[in-house]
Amino acid sequence: MMMPNMLAWGLSMPEMMLILIVALLLFGKRLPEVARSMGKSVVEFKKGMSEVTEKMTDVGEQAQRTIDAPPVAPASGPAAQALKFDPYTGKPVQPTEAKV
């Protein structure tokens, strides 16, 4: 069995026309105002999206600079040598307790 010419949401052309006529009767005088409001909303949404994209790009560039930065030289001297860490627990170990 052939289906009649169906459009979006399973509605046929006469049903879509009826909905359009009812919408024009209800919103006819305010239709330009509604369209203008929708246009402003789209512009604000695009502006917000571009700001988010810009911030994400800045964060990505900053992260890349951090990754590409030269490594910091480890501290040297008696204070740095006095404090060692247990490789299994990560807790500081006193030099006298250090395991070989």
C-alpha atoms as a PDB file:
ATOM      1  CA  MET A   1       0.000   0.000   0.000  1.00  0.00           C
ATOM      2  CA  MET A   2       1.425   3.382  -1.004  1.00  0.00           C
ATOM      3  CA  MET A   3       1.692   6.107   1.603  1.00  0.00           C
ATOM      4  CA  PRO A   4       0.458   9.566   0.609  1.00  0.00           C
ATOM      5  CA  ASN A   5       3.045  12.286   0.131  1.00  0.00           C
ATOM      6  CA  MET A   6       4.340  12.602   3.717  1.00  0.00           C
ATOM      7  CA  LEU A   7       6.494  15.480   4.905  1.00  0.00           C
ATOM      8  CA  ALA A   8       8.278  16.119   8.185  1.00  0.00           C
ATOM      9  CA  TRP A   9       6.946  14.398  11.328  1.00  0.00           C
ATOM     10  CA  GLY A  10       4.560  12.242   9.323  1.00  0.00           C
ATOM     11  CA  LEU A  11       2.345  15.154   8.265  1.00  0.00           C
ATOM     12  CA  SER A  12       0.907  15.434   4.762  1.00  0.00           C
ATOM     13  CA  MET A  13       0.738  18.651   2.719  1.00  0.00           C
ATOM     14  CA  PRO A  14      -2.872  19.585   3.664  1.00  0.00           C
ATOM     15  CA  GLU A  15      -2.091  19.153   7.372  1.00  0.00           C
ATOM     16  CA  MET A  16       1.017  21.325   7.044  1.00  0.00           C
ATOM     17  CA  MET A  17      -0.994  24.017   5.229  1.00  0.00           C
ATOM     18  CA  LEU A  18      -3.653  23.979   7.964  1.00  0.00           C
ATOM     19  CA  ILE A  19      -0.999  24.379  10.661  1.00  0.00           C
ATOM     20  CA  LEU A  20       0.603  27.237   8.696  1.00  0.00           C
ATOM     21  CA  ILE A  21      -2.742  29.043   8.336  1.00  0.00           C
ATOM     22  CA  VAL A  22      -3.499  28.675  12.061  1.00  0.00           C
ATOM     23  CA  ALA A  23       0.002  29.963  12.911  1.00  0.00           C
ATOM     24  CA  LEU A  24      -0.473  32.972  10.629  1.00  0.00           C
ATOM     25  CA  LEU A  25      -3.839  33.752  12.229  1.00  0.00           C
ATOM     26  CA  LEU A  26      -2.399  33.513  15.743  1.00  0.00           C
ATOM     27  CA  PHE A  27       0.934  35.232  15.149  1.00  0.00           C
ATOM     28  CA  GLY A  28       0.262  37.226  11.961  1.00  0.00           C
ATOM     29  CA  LYS A  29       0.744  40.691  13.434  1.00  0.00           C
ATOM     30  CA  ARG A  30       3.644  39.619  15.631  1.00  0.00           C
ATOM     31  CA  LEU A  31       5.394  37.456  13.014  1.00  0.00           C
ATOM     32  CA  PRO A  32       8.013  40.108  12.028  1.00  0.00           C
ATOM     33  CA  GLU A  33       8.696  40.719  15.706  1.00  0.00           C
ATOM     34  CA  VAL A  34       9.147  36.990  16.357  1.00  0.00           C
ATOM     35  CA  ALA A  35      11.446  36.637  13.328  1.00  0.00           C
ATOM     36  CA  ARG A  36      13.543  39.614  14.473  1.00  0.00           C
ATOM     37  CA  SER A  37      13.820  38.121  17.951  1.00  0.00           C
ATOM     38  CA  MET A  38      14.889  34.767  16.533  1.00  0.00           C
ATOM     39  CA  GLY A  39      17.509  36.491  14.368  1.00  0.00           C
ATOM     40  CA  LYS A  40      18.955  38.292  17.387  1.00  0.00           C
ATOM     41  CA  SER A  41      19.021  35.018  19.296  1.00  0.00           C
ATOM     42  CA  VAL A  42      20.959  33.318  16.518  1.00  0.00           C
ATOM     43  CA  VAL A  43      23.473  36.192  16.402  1.00  0.00           C
ATOM     44  CA  GLU A  44      23.974  36.048  20.193  1.00  0.00           C
ATOM     45  CA  PHE A  45      24.383  32.273  20.061  1.00  0.00           C
ATOM     46  CA  LYS A  46      27.018  32.520  17.328  1.00  0.00           C
ATOM     47  CA  LYS A  47      28.841  35.233  19.276  1.00  0.00           C
ATOM     48  CA  GLY A  48      28.844  33.079  22.407  1.00  0.00           C
ATOM     49  CA  MET A  49      30.098  30.066  20.463  1.00  0.00           C
ATOM     50  CA  SER A  50      32.938  32.090  18.938  1.00  0.00           C
ATOM     51  CA  GLU A  51      33.950  33.318  22.420  1.00  0.00           C
ATOM     52  CA  VAL A  52      34.006  29.746  23.739  1.00  0.00           C
ATOM     53  CA  THR A  53      36.009  28.590  20.716  1.00  0.00           C
ATOM     54  CA  GLU A  54      38.442  31.467  21.204  1.00  0.00           C
ATOM     55  CA  LYS A  55      38.915  30.617  24.900  1.00  0.00           C
ATOM     56  CA  MET A  56      39.438  26.946  24.110  1.00  0.00           C
ATOM     57  CA  THR A  57      42.048  27.870  21.496  1.00  0.00           C
ATOM     58  CA  ASP A  58      43.841  30.099  24.024  1.00  0.00           C
ATOM     59  CA  VAL A  59      43.839  27.320  26.627  1.00  0.00           C
ATOM     60  CA  GLY A  60      45.127  24.840  24.039  1.00  0.00           C
ATOM     61  CA  GLU A  61      47.919  27.187  22.985  1.00  0.00           C
ATOM     62  CA  GLN A  62      48.865  27.809  26.618  1.00  0.00           C
ATOM     63  CA  ALA A  63      48.947  24.061  27.282  1.00  0.00           C
ATOM     64  CA  GLN A  64      51.107  23.538  24.205  1.00  0.00           C
ATOM     65  CA  ARG A  65      53.548  26.217  25.389  1.00  0.00           C
ATOM     66  CA  THR A  66      53.704  24.482  28.766  1.00  0.00           C
ATOM     67  CA  ILE A  67      54.415  21.141  27.093  1.00  0.00           C
ATOM     68  CA  ASP A  68      57.070  22.673  24.817  1.00  0.00           C
ATOM     69  CA  ALA A  69      58.768  24.573  27.679  1.00  0.00           C
ATOM     70  CA  PRO A  70      62.252  23.384  28.578  1.00  0.00           C
ATOM     71  CA  PRO A  71      62.342  21.134  31.629  1.00  0.00           C
ATOM     72  CA  VAL A  72      63.186  22.686  34.965  1.00  0.00           C
ATOM     73  CA  ALA A  73      66.581  21.647  36.296  1.00  0.00           C
ATOM     74  CA  PRO A  74      66.330  19.557  39.455  1.00  0.00           C
ATOM     75  CA  ALA A  75      67.373  21.202  42.669  1.00  0.00           C
ATOM     76  CA  SER A  76      70.883  20.496  43.825  1.00  0.00           C
ATOM     77  CA  GLY A  77      72.738  20.949  47.077  1.00  0.00           C
ATOM     78  CA  PRO A  78      72.510  19.398  50.505  1.00  0.00           C
ATOM     79  CA  ALA A  79      68.795  20.192  51.042  1.00  0.00           C
ATOM     80  CA  ALA A  80      67.794  18.465  47.821  1.00  0.00           C
ATOM     81  CA  GLN A  81      69.932  15.428  48.586  1.00  0.00           C
ATOM     82  CA  ALA A  82      68.651  15.146  52.162  1.00  0.00           C
ATOM     83  CA  LEU A  83      65.040  14.474  51.135  1.00  0.00           C
ATOM     84  CA  LYS A  84      64.343  11.328  49.132  1.00  0.00           C
ATOM     85  CA  PHE A  85      61.095   9.580  48.314  1.00  0.00           C
ATOM     86  CA  ASP A  86      60.090   5.947  48.459  1.00  0.00           C
ATOM     87  CA  PRO A  87      59.310   4.915  44.858  1.00  0.00           C
ATOM     88  CA  TYR A  88      56.456   2.626  45.917  1.00  0.00           C
ATOM     89  CA  THR A  89      54.558   4.842  48.336  1.00  0.00           C
ATOM     90  CA  GLY A  90      55.765   8.297  47.329  1.00  0.00           C
ATOM     91  CA  LYS A  91      56.335   9.227  50.951  1.00  0.00           C
ATOM     92  CA  PRO A  92      59.480  11.083  51.978  1.00  0.00           C
ATOM     93  CA  VAL A  93      62.184   8.854  53.432  1.00  0.00           C
ATOM     94  CA  GLN A  94      64.902   9.983  55.814  1.00  0.00           C
ATOM     95  CA  PRO A  95      68.445   9.445  54.489  1.00  0.00           C
ATOM     96  CA  THR A  96      69.189   6.999  57.292  1.00  0.00           C
ATOM     97  CA  GLU A  97      66.116   4.909  56.372  1.00  0.00           C
ATOM     98  CA  ALA A  98      66.841   4.883  52.647  1.00  0.00           C
ATOM     99  CA  LYS A  99      66.943   1.371  51.232  1.00  0.00           C
ATOM    100  CA  VAL A 100      69.646   0.390  48.820  1.00  0.00           C
END
